[in-house]
Amino acid sequence: MNRILLSVFVLAAFVAVCALGENTGELTAETMKAALHTATAQEGDFIERVMTRVENGTLPLDLVQSTFLWAKKKPKKKFYYFKQGLILRAADRGIKVE
């Protein structure tokens, strides 16, 4: 049973890293803009602000990554899902986004 759980965990981690790209899992603003199909300068600016906060340590990378991976699977309005999801999930941790 433990081997099965370990195998599932390793497979899930591998899929998550592959979903971020071939650059060893590094998430960049450009990658996010392309995957989330940003359409306006305001959407691009939001992603830039989010990544700046990640670099400053005021927004956890794992929160941004997991929200990004969830939102990019949506069939439409990927950026909208990312933004709203990140705002709500960050609020649950006591972090204000926007």
PDB file of N, CA and C in Angstrom:
ATOM      1  N   MET A   1       0.825  -1.197   0.000  1.00  0.00           N
ATOM      2  CA  MET A   1       0.000   0.000   0.000  1.00  0.00           C
ATOM      3  C   MET A   1       0.868   1.259   0.000  1.00  0.00           C
ATOM      4  N   ASN A   2       1.927   1.269   0.810  1.00  0.00           N
ATOM      5  CA  ASN A   2       2.809   2.431   0.874  1.00  0.00           C
ATOM      6  C   ASN A   2       3.513   2.672  -0.450  1.00  0.00           C
ATOM      7  N   ARG A   3       3.877   1.602  -1.156  1.00  0.00           N
ATOM      8  CA  ARG A   3       4.519   1.750  -2.465  1.00  0.00           C
ATOM      9  C   ARG A   3       3.577   2.405  -3.459  1.00  0.00           C
ATOM     10  N   ILE A   4       2.319   2.058  -3.402  1.00  0.00           N
ATOM     11  CA  ILE A   4       1.329   2.638  -4.314  1.00  0.00           C
ATOM     12  C   ILE A   4       1.182   4.130  -4.039  1.00  0.00           C
ATOM     13  N   LEU A   5       1.062   4.500  -2.775  1.00  0.00           N
ATOM     14  CA  LEU A   5       0.945   5.916  -2.419  1.00  0.00           C
ATOM     15  C   LEU A   5       2.190   6.696  -2.834  1.00  0.00           C
ATOM     16  N   LEU A   6       3.356   6.116  -2.608  1.00  0.00           N
ATOM     17  CA  LEU A   6       4.594   6.772  -3.007  1.00  0.00           C
ATOM     18  C   LEU A   6       4.657   6.944  -4.522  1.00  0.00           C
ATOM     19  N   SER A   7       4.252   5.927  -5.254  1.00  0.00           N
ATOM     20  CA  SER A   7       4.249   6.006  -6.715  1.00  0.00           C
ATOM     21  C   SER A   7       3.297   7.086  -7.215  1.00  0.00           C
ATOM     22  N   VAL A   8       2.134   7.181  -6.603  1.00  0.00           N
ATOM     23  CA  VAL A   8       1.167   8.210  -6.989  1.00  0.00           C
ATOM     24  C   VAL A   8       1.727   9.590  -6.694  1.00  0.00           C
ATOM     25  N   PHE A   9       2.353   9.763  -5.553  1.00  0.00           N
ATOM     26  CA  PHE A   9       2.939  11.058  -5.194  1.00  0.00           C
ATOM     27  C   PHE A   9       4.050  11.453  -6.162  1.00  0.00           C
ATOM     28  N   VAL A  10       4.933  10.531  -6.485  1.00  0.00           N
ATOM     29  CA  VAL A  10       6.031  10.821  -7.416  1.00  0.00           C
ATOM     30  C   VAL A  10       5.482  11.162  -8.796  1.00  0.00           C
ATOM     31  N   LEU A  11       4.490  10.444  -9.246  1.00  0.00           N
ATOM     32  CA  LEU A  11       3.879  10.726 -10.546  1.00  0.00           C
ATOM     33  C   LEU A  11       3.218  12.098 -10.551  1.00  0.00           C
ATOM     34  N   ALA A  12       2.511  12.447  -9.495  1.00  0.00           N
ATOM     35  CA  ALA A  12       1.859  13.754  -9.412  1.00  0.00           C
ATOM     36  C   ALA A  12       2.894  14.877  -9.417  1.00  0.00           C
ATOM     37  N   ALA A  13       3.985  14.701  -8.708  1.00  0.00           N
ATOM     38  CA  ALA A  13       5.040  15.719  -8.696  1.00  0.00           C
ATOM     39  C   ALA A  13       5.663  15.866 -10.072  1.00  0.00           C
ATOM     40  N   PHE A  14       5.880  14.757 -10.758  1.00  0.00           N
ATOM     41  CA  PHE A  14       6.447  14.799 -12.108  1.00  0.00           C
ATOM     42  C   PHE A  14       5.518  15.526 -13.068  1.00  0.00           C
ATOM     43  N   VAL A  15       4.241  15.243 -13.007  1.00  0.00           N
ATOM     44  CA  VAL A  15       3.271  15.906 -13.876  1.00  0.00           C
ATOM     45  C   VAL A  15       3.233  17.405 -13.595  1.00  0.00           C
ATOM     46  N   ALA A  16       3.283  17.794 -12.346  1.00  0.00           N
ATOM     47  CA  ALA A  16       3.255  19.222 -11.991  1.00  0.00           C
ATOM     48  C   ALA A  16       4.480  19.945 -12.541  1.00  0.00           C
ATOM     49  N   VAL A  17       5.640  19.337 -12.423  1.00  0.00           N
ATOM     50  CA  VAL A  17       6.866  19.963 -12.939  1.00  0.00           C
ATOM     51  C   VAL A  17       6.812  20.051 -14.456  1.00  0.00           C
ATOM     52  N   CYS A  18       6.358  19.013 -15.114  1.00  0.00           N
ATOM     53  CA  CYS A  18       6.252  19.034 -16.574  1.00  0.00           C
ATOM     54  C   CYS A  18       5.244  20.071 -17.047  1.00  0.00           C
ATOM     55  N   ALA A  19       4.190  20.265 -16.305  1.00  0.00           N
ATOM     56  CA  ALA A  19       3.166  21.235 -16.692  1.00  0.00           C
ATOM     57  C   ALA A  19       3.705  22.655 -16.661  1.00  0.00           C
ATOM     58  N   LEU A  20       4.715  22.917 -15.849  1.00  0.00           N
ATOM     59  CA  LEU A  20       5.299  24.250 -15.772  1.00  0.00           C
ATOM     60  C   LEU A  20       6.284  24.519 -16.900  1.00  0.00           C
ATOM     61  N   GLY A  21       6.711  23.499 -17.569  1.00  0.00           N
ATOM     62  CA  GLY A  21       7.643  23.686 -18.674  1.00  0.00           C
ATOM     63  C   GLY A  21       8.939  22.952 -18.430  1.00  0.00           C
ATOM     64  N   GLU A  22       9.829  23.069 -19.367  1.00  0.00           N
ATOM     65  CA  GLU A  22      11.088  22.345 -19.306  1.00  0.00           C
ATOM     66  C   GLU A  22      12.149  23.079 -18.503  1.00  0.00           C
ATOM     67  N   ASN A  23      11.855  24.251 -18.004  1.00  0.00           N
ATOM     68  CA  ASN A  23      12.848  25.046 -17.291  1.00  0.00           C
ATOM     69  C   ASN A  23      12.874  24.712 -15.798  1.00  0.00           C
ATOM     70  N   THR A  24      12.894  23.460 -15.465  1.00  0.00           N
ATOM     71  CA  THR A  24      12.976  22.939 -14.097  1.00  0.00           C
ATOM     72  C   THR A  24      11.886  23.479 -13.178  1.00  0.00           C
ATOM     73  N   GLY A  25      10.738  23.774 -13.727  1.00  0.00           N
ATOM     74  CA  GLY A  25       9.621  24.192 -12.899  1.00  0.00           C
ATOM     75  C   GLY A  25       9.595  25.665 -12.563  1.00  0.00           C
ATOM     76  N   GLU A  26      10.479  26.463 -13.155  1.00  0.00           N
ATOM     77  CA  GLU A  26      10.493  27.903 -12.858  1.00  0.00           C
ATOM     78  C   GLU A  26       9.308  28.577 -13.520  1.00  0.00           C
ATOM     79  N   LEU A  27       8.540  29.259 -12.729  1.00  0.00           N
ATOM     80  CA  LEU A  27       7.360  29.964 -13.212  1.00  0.00           C
ATOM     81  C   LEU A  27       7.728  31.415 -13.456  1.00  0.00           C
ATOM     82  N   THR A  28       7.467  31.917 -14.662  1.00  0.00           N
ATOM     83  CA  THR A  28       7.777  33.305 -14.984  1.00  0.00           C
ATOM     84  C   THR A  28       6.501  34.039 -15.368  1.00  0.00           C
ATOM     85  N   ALA A  29       6.570  35.354 -15.335  1.00  0.00           N
ATOM     86  CA  ALA A  29       5.416  36.167 -15.726  1.00  0.00           C
ATOM     87  C   ALA A  29       5.051  35.905 -17.176  1.00  0.00           C
ATOM     88  N   GLU A  30       6.037  35.754 -18.041  1.00  0.00           N
ATOM     89  CA  GLU A  30       5.772  35.519 -19.463  1.00  0.00           C
ATOM     90  C   GLU A  30       5.069  34.181 -19.682  1.00  0.00           C
ATOM     91  N   THR A  31       5.514  33.161 -18.954  1.00  0.00           N
ATOM     92  CA  THR A  31       4.873  31.847 -19.043  1.00  0.00           C
ATOM     93  C   THR A  31       3.412  31.938 -18.624  1.00  0.00           C
ATOM     94  N   MET A  32       3.172  32.653 -17.533  1.00  0.00           N
ATOM     95  CA  MET A  32       1.815  32.780 -17.024  1.00  0.00           C
ATOM     96  C   MET A  32       0.933  33.566 -17.994  1.00  0.00           C
ATOM     97  N   LYS A  33       1.458  34.666 -18.530  1.00  0.00           N
ATOM     98  CA  LYS A  33       0.679  35.469 -19.465  1.00  0.00           C
ATOM     99  C   LYS A  33       0.276  34.657 -20.683  1.00  0.00           C
ATOM    100  N   ALA A  34       1.199  33.869 -21.201  1.00  0.00           N
ATOM    101  CA  ALA A  34       0.905  33.054 -22.385  1.00  0.00           C
ATOM    102  C   ALA A  34      -0.119  31.963 -22.067  1.00  0.00           C
ATOM    103  N   ALA A  35       0.076  31.278 -20.963  1.00  0.00           N
ATOM    104  CA  ALA A  35      -0.812  30.164 -20.619  1.00  0.00           C
ATOM    105  C   ALA A  35      -2.206  30.627 -20.215  1.00  0.00           C
ATOM    106  N   LEU A  36      -2.294  31.799 -19.599  1.00  0.00           N
ATOM    107  CA  LEU A  36      -3.587  32.297 -19.132  1.00  0.00           C
ATOM    108  C   LEU A  36      -4.272  33.198 -20.166  1.00  0.00           C
ATOM    109  N   HIS A  37      -3.630  33.376 -21.298  1.00  0.00           N
ATOM    110  CA  HIS A  37      -4.189  34.153 -22.411  1.00  0.00           C
ATOM    111  C   HIS A  37      -4.604  35.556 -21.975  1.00  0.00           C
ATOM    112  N   THR A  38      -3.662  36.286 -21.381  1.00  0.00           N
ATOM    113  CA  THR A  38      -3.971  37.657 -20.983  1.00  0.00           C
ATOM    114  C   THR A  38      -4.264  38.490 -22.229  1.00  0.00           C
ATOM    115  N   ALA A  39      -5.268  39.337 -22.130  1.00  0.00           N
ATOM    116  CA  ALA A  39      -5.724  40.098 -23.299  1.00  0.00           C
ATOM    117  C   ALA A  39      -5.497  41.594 -23.161  1.00  0.00           C
ATOM    118  N   THR A  40      -5.286  42.081 -21.956  1.00  0.00           N
ATOM    119  CA  THR A  40      -5.147  43.523 -21.752  1.00  0.00           C
ATOM    120  C   THR A  40      -3.873  43.821 -20.969  1.00  0.00           C
ATOM    121  N   ALA A  41      -3.475  45.076 -21.013  1.00  0.00           N
ATOM    122  CA  ALA A  41      -2.304  45.511 -20.245  1.00  0.00           C
ATOM    123  C   ALA A  41      -2.556  45.349 -18.745  1.00  0.00           C
ATOM    124  N   GLN A  42      -3.793  45.572 -18.308  1.00  0.00           N
ATOM    125  CA  GLN A  42      -4.121  45.445 -16.882  1.00  0.00           C
ATOM    126  C   GLN A  42      -3.932  44.001 -16.410  1.00  0.00           C
ATOM    127  N   GLU A  43      -4.305  43.049 -17.242  1.00  0.00           N
ATOM    128  CA  GLU A  43      -4.118  41.645 -16.879  1.00  0.00           C
ATOM    129  C   GLU A  43      -2.629  41.316 -16.770  1.00  0.00           C
ATOM    130  N   GLY A  44      -1.858  41.802 -17.723  1.00  0.00           N
ATOM    131  CA  GLY A  44      -0.415  41.594 -17.677  1.00  0.00           C
ATOM    132  C   GLY A  44       0.215  42.249 -16.463  1.00  0.00           C
ATOM    133  N   ASP A  45      -0.245  43.444 -16.128  1.00  0.00           N
ATOM    134  CA  ASP A  45       0.261  44.147 -14.950  1.00  0.00           C
ATOM    135  C   ASP A  45      -0.054  43.388 -13.670  1.00  0.00           C
ATOM    136  N   PHE A  46      -1.231  42.772 -13.595  1.00  0.00           N
ATOM    137  CA  PHE A  46      -1.589  41.989 -12.418  1.00  0.00           C
ATOM    138  C   PHE A  46      -0.592  40.850 -12.230  1.00  0.00           C
ATOM    139  N   ILE A  47      -0.296  40.149 -13.298  1.00  0.00           N
ATOM    140  CA  ILE A  47       0.645  39.026 -13.216  1.00  0.00           C
ATOM    141  C   ILE A  47       2.033  39.532 -12.826  1.00  0.00           C
ATOM    142  N   GLU A  48       2.454  40.652 -13.381  1.00  0.00           N
ATOM    143  CA  GLU A  48       3.755  41.236 -13.018  1.00  0.00           C
ATOM    144  C   GLU A  48       3.796  41.569 -11.527  1.00  0.00           C
ATOM    145  N   ARG A  49       2.719  42.159 -11.005  1.00  0.00           N
ATOM    146  CA  ARG A  49       2.663  42.495  -9.576  1.00  0.00           C
ATOM    147  C   ARG A  49       2.708  41.234  -8.714  1.00  0.00           C
ATOM    148  N   VAL A  50       2.000  40.191  -9.147  1.00  0.00           N
ATOM    149  CA  VAL A  50       1.997  38.932  -8.405  1.00  0.00           C
ATOM    150  C   VAL A  50       3.413  38.359  -8.351  1.00  0.00           C
ATOM    151  N   MET A  51       4.093  38.335  -9.489  1.00  0.00           N
ATOM    152  CA  MET A  51       5.435  37.758  -9.519  1.00  0.00           C
ATOM    153  C   MET A  51       6.441  38.610  -8.729  1.00  0.00           C
ATOM    154  N   THR A  52       6.243  39.914  -8.706  1.00  0.00           N
ATOM    155  CA  THR A  52       7.093  40.783  -7.897  1.00  0.00           C
ATOM    156  C   THR A  52       6.917  40.457  -6.419  1.00  0.00           C
ATOM    157  N   ARG A  53       5.682  40.234  -6.009  1.00  0.00           N
ATOM    158  CA  ARG A  53       5.415  39.877  -4.615  1.00  0.00           C
ATOM    159  C   ARG A  53       5.990  38.513  -4.266  1.00  0.00           C
ATOM    160  N   VAL A  54       5.972  37.583  -5.224  1.00  0.00           N
ATOM    161  CA  VAL A  54       6.596  36.275  -4.987  1.00  0.00           C
ATOM    162  C   VAL A  54       8.096  36.470  -4.773  1.00  0.00           C
ATOM    163  N   GLU A  55       8.725  37.265  -5.626  1.00  0.00           N
ATOM    164  CA  GLU A  55      10.166  37.522  -5.499  1.00  0.00           C
ATOM    165  C   GLU A  55      10.499  38.235  -4.194  1.00  0.00           C
ATOM    166  N   ASN A  56       9.621  39.117  -3.736  1.00  0.00           N
ATOM    167  CA  ASN A  56       9.833  39.835  -2.476  1.00  0.00           C
ATOM    168  C   ASN A  56       9.531  38.982  -1.252  1.00  0.00           C
ATOM    169  N   GLY A  57       8.878  37.853  -1.461  1.00  0.00           N
ATOM    170  CA  GLY A  57       8.544  36.973  -0.346  1.00  0.00           C
ATOM    171  C   GLY A  57       7.256  37.321   0.364  1.00  0.00           C
ATOM    172  N   THR A  58       6.432  38.206  -0.227  1.00  0.00           N
ATOM    173  CA  THR A  58       5.168  38.581   0.420  1.00  0.00           C
ATOM    174  C   THR A  58       3.982  37.764  -0.095  1.00  0.00           C
ATOM    175  N   LEU A  59       4.239  36.908  -1.060  1.00  0.00           N
ATOM    176  CA  LEU A  59       3.205  36.020  -1.596  1.00  0.00           C
ATOM    177  C   LEU A  59       3.864  34.671  -1.849  1.00  0.00           C
ATOM    178  N   PRO A  60       3.341  33.585  -1.262  1.00  0.00           N
ATOM    179  CA  PRO A  60       3.984  32.284  -1.382  1.00  0.00           C
ATOM    180  C   PRO A  60       3.947  31.739  -2.823  1.00  0.00           C
ATOM    181  N   LEU A  61       5.084  31.258  -3.283  1.00  0.00           N
ATOM    182  CA  LEU A  61       5.193  30.694  -4.625  1.00  0.00           C
ATOM    183  C   LEU A  61       4.269  29.498  -4.800  1.00  0.00           C
ATOM    184  N   ASP A  62       4.170  28.643  -3.776  1.00  0.00           N
ATOM    185  CA  ASP A  62       3.321  27.454  -3.908  1.00  0.00           C
ATOM    186  C   ASP A  62       1.859  27.829  -4.128  1.00  0.00           C
ATOM    187  N   LEU A  63       1.418  28.913  -3.520  1.00  0.00           N
ATOM    188  CA  LEU A  63       0.047  29.383  -3.697  1.00  0.00           C
ATOM    189  C   LEU A  63      -0.182  29.845  -5.133  1.00  0.00           C
ATOM    190  N   VAL A  64       0.777  30.598  -5.666  1.00  0.00           N
ATOM    191  CA  VAL A  64       0.673  31.102  -7.039  1.00  0.00           C
ATOM    192  C   VAL A  64       0.734  29.940  -8.029  1.00  0.00           C
ATOM    193  N   GLN A  65       1.679  29.028  -7.839  1.00  0.00           N
ATOM    194  CA  GLN A  65       1.827  27.895  -8.752  1.00  0.00           C
ATOM    195  C   GLN A  65       0.593  27.018  -8.783  1.00  0.00           C
ATOM    196  N   SER A  66       0.079  26.676  -7.631  1.00  0.00           N
ATOM    197  CA  SER A  66      -1.071  25.774  -7.603  1.00  0.00           C
ATOM    198  C   SER A  66      -2.311  26.444  -8.196  1.00  0.00           C
ATOM    199  N   THR A  67      -2.475  27.734  -7.949  1.00  0.00           N
ATOM    200  CA  THR A  67      -3.604  28.456  -8.531  1.00  0.00           C
ATOM    201  C   THR A  67      -3.439  28.559 -10.044  1.00  0.00           C
ATOM    202  N   PHE A  68      -2.222  28.806 -10.494  1.00  0.00           N
ATOM    203  CA  PHE A  68      -1.925  28.870 -11.925  1.00  0.00           C
ATOM    204  C   PHE A  68      -2.235  27.539 -12.610  1.00  0.00           C
ATOM    205  N   LEU A  69      -1.760  26.444 -12.041  1.00  0.00           N
ATOM    206  CA  LEU A  69      -1.995  25.134 -12.649  1.00  0.00           C
ATOM    207  C   LEU A  69      -3.483  24.812 -12.717  1.00  0.00           C
ATOM    208  N   TRP A  70      -4.229  25.188 -11.702  1.00  0.00           N
ATOM    209  CA  TRP A  70      -5.673  24.965 -11.685  1.00  0.00           C
ATOM    210  C   TRP A  70      -6.356  25.808 -12.760  1.00  0.00           C
ATOM    211  N   ALA A  71      -6.003  27.088 -12.830  1.00  0.00           N
ATOM    212  CA  ALA A  71      -6.675  28.010 -13.751  1.00  0.00           C
ATOM    213  C   ALA A  71      -6.369  27.699 -15.209  1.00  0.00           C
ATOM    214  N   LYS A  72      -5.155  27.267 -15.500  1.00  0.00           N
ATOM    215  CA  LYS A  72      -4.818  27.043 -16.908  1.00  0.00           C
ATOM    216  C   LYS A  72      -5.519  25.814 -17.488  1.00  0.00           C
ATOM    217  N   LYS A  73      -6.125  25.007 -16.652  1.00  0.00           N
ATOM    218  CA  LYS A  73      -6.902  23.859 -17.127  1.00  0.00           C
ATOM    219  C   LYS A  73      -8.332  24.241 -17.511  1.00  0.00           C
ATOM    220  N   LYS A  74      -8.750  25.427 -17.143  1.00  0.00           N
ATOM    221  CA  LYS A  74     -10.108  25.871 -17.447  1.00  0.00           C
ATOM    222  C   LYS A  74     -10.244  26.090 -18.954  1.00  0.00           C
ATOM    223  N   PRO A  75     -11.407  25.758 -19.533  1.00  0.00           N
ATOM    224  CA  PRO A  75     -11.568  25.888 -20.983  1.00  0.00           C
ATOM    225  C   PRO A  75     -11.625  27.334 -21.468  1.00  0.00           C
ATOM    226  N   LYS A  76     -12.146  28.234 -20.651  1.00  0.00           N
ATOM    227  CA  LYS A  76     -12.258  29.639 -21.026  1.00  0.00           C
ATOM    228  C   LYS A  76     -11.981  30.505 -19.810  1.00  0.00           C
ATOM    229  N   LYS A  77     -11.665  31.769 -20.067  1.00  0.00           N
ATOM    230  CA  LYS A  77     -11.464  32.767 -19.003  1.00  0.00           C
ATOM    231  C   LYS A  77     -10.419  32.330 -17.987  1.00  0.00           C
ATOM    232  N   LYS A  78      -9.307  31.790 -18.470  1.00  0.00           N
ATOM    233  CA  LYS A  78      -8.257  31.278 -17.598  1.00  0.00           C
ATOM    234  C   LYS A  78      -7.722  32.362 -16.661  1.00  0.00           C
ATOM    235  N   PHE A  79      -7.468  33.555 -17.214  1.00  0.00           N
ATOM    236  CA  PHE A  79      -6.936  34.628 -16.369  1.00  0.00           C
ATOM    237  C   PHE A  79      -7.924  34.984 -15.272  1.00  0.00           C
ATOM    238  N   TYR A  80      -9.202  35.088 -15.606  1.00  0.00           N
ATOM    239  CA  TYR A  80     -10.229  35.415 -14.616  1.00  0.00           C
ATOM    240  C   TYR A  80     -10.205  34.403 -13.469  1.00  0.00           C
ATOM    241  N   TYR A  81     -10.141  33.110 -13.803  1.00  0.00           N
ATOM    242  CA  TYR A  81     -10.095  32.081 -12.769  1.00  0.00           C
ATOM    243  C   TYR A  81      -8.835  32.226 -11.916  1.00  0.00           C
ATOM    244  N   PHE A  82      -7.705  32.508 -12.581  1.00  0.00           N
ATOM    245  CA  PHE A  82      -6.464  32.674 -11.838  1.00  0.00           C
ATOM    246  C   PHE A  82      -6.565  33.841 -10.860  1.00  0.00           C
ATOM    247  N   LYS A  83      -6.994  34.976 -11.346  1.00  0.00           N
ATOM    248  CA  LYS A  83      -7.050  36.173 -10.510  1.00  0.00           C
ATOM    249  C   LYS A  83      -8.000  35.976  -9.332  1.00  0.00           C
ATOM    250  N   GLN A  84      -9.209  35.549  -9.606  1.00  0.00           N
ATOM    251  CA  GLN A  84     -10.190  35.385  -8.536  1.00  0.00           C
ATOM    252  C   GLN A  84      -9.769  34.283  -7.572  1.00  0.00           C
ATOM    253  N   GLY A  85      -9.251  33.189  -8.112  1.00  0.00           N
ATOM    254  CA  GLY A  85      -8.797  32.096  -7.259  1.00  0.00           C
ATOM    255  C   GLY A  85      -7.658  32.519  -6.350  1.00  0.00           C
ATOM    256  N   LEU A  86      -6.709  33.269  -6.911  1.00  0.00           N
ATOM    257  CA  LEU A  86      -5.570  33.724  -6.112  1.00  0.00           C
ATOM    258  C   LEU A  86      -6.012  34.703  -5.029  1.00  0.00           C
ATOM    259  N   ILE A  87      -6.887  35.616  -5.374  1.00  0.00           N
ATOM    260  CA  ILE A  87      -7.382  36.581  -4.387  1.00  0.00           C
ATOM    261  C   ILE A  87      -8.068  35.861  -3.228  1.00  0.00           C
ATOM    262  N   LEU A  88      -8.931  34.903  -3.544  1.00  0.00           N
ATOM    263  CA  LEU A  88      -9.656  34.182  -2.490  1.00  0.00           C
ATOM    264  C   LEU A  88      -8.746  33.287  -1.658  1.00  0.00           C
ATOM    265  N   ARG A  89      -7.858  32.569  -2.326  1.00  0.00           N
ATOM    266  CA  ARG A  89      -6.967  31.657  -1.602  1.00  0.00           C
ATOM    267  C   ARG A  89      -5.976  32.431  -0.743  1.00  0.00           C
ATOM    268  N   ALA A  90      -5.493  33.554  -1.243  1.00  0.00           N
ATOM    269  CA  ALA A  90      -4.575  34.377  -0.447  1.00  0.00           C
ATOM    270  C   ALA A  90      -5.306  34.964   0.758  1.00  0.00           C
ATOM    271  N   ALA A  91      -6.541  35.378   0.554  1.00  0.00           N
ATOM    272  CA  ALA A  91      -7.332  35.916   1.676  1.00  0.00           C
ATOM    273  C   ALA A  91      -7.506  34.890   2.775  1.00  0.00           C
ATOM    274  N   ASP A  92      -7.650  33.625   2.404  1.00  0.00           N
ATOM    275  CA  ASP A  92      -7.753  32.563   3.412  1.00  0.00           C
ATOM    276  C   ASP A  92      -6.492  32.477   4.270  1.00  0.00           C
ATOM    277  N   ARG A  93      -5.380  32.914   3.718  1.00  0.00           N
ATOM    278  CA  ARG A  93      -4.102  32.902   4.456  1.00  0.00           C
ATOM    279  C   ARG A  93      -3.803  34.271   5.076  1.00  0.00           C
ATOM    280  N   GLY A  94      -4.742  35.198   4.970  1.00  0.00           N
ATOM    281  CA  GLY A  94      -4.546  36.508   5.550  1.00  0.00           C
ATOM    282  C   GLY A  94      -3.699  37.444   4.701  1.00  0.00           C
ATOM    283  N   ILE A  95      -3.612  37.158   3.402  1.00  0.00           N
ATOM    284  CA  ILE A  95      -2.810  37.972   2.487  1.00  0.00           C
ATOM    285  C   ILE A  95      -3.744  38.691   1.538  1.00  0.00           C
ATOM    286  N   LYS A  96      -3.566  40.001   1.416  1.00  0.00           N
ATOM    287  CA  LYS A  96      -4.391  40.781   0.497  1.00  0.00           C
ATOM    288  C   LYS A  96      -3.672  40.879  -0.845  1.00  0.00           C
ATOM    289  N   VAL A  97      -4.405  40.524  -1.912  1.00  0.00           N
ATOM    290  CA  VAL A  97      -3.861  40.609  -3.272  1.00  0.00           C
ATOM    291  C   VAL A  97      -4.672  41.625  -4.033  1.00  0.00           C
ATOM    292  N   GLU A  98      -3.959  42.486  -4.771  1.00  0.00           N
ATOM    293  CA  GLU A  98      -4.550  43.506  -5.663  1.00  0.00           C
ATOM    294  C   GLU A  98      -4.169  44.878  -5.307  1.00  0.00           C
TER     295      GLU A  98
END
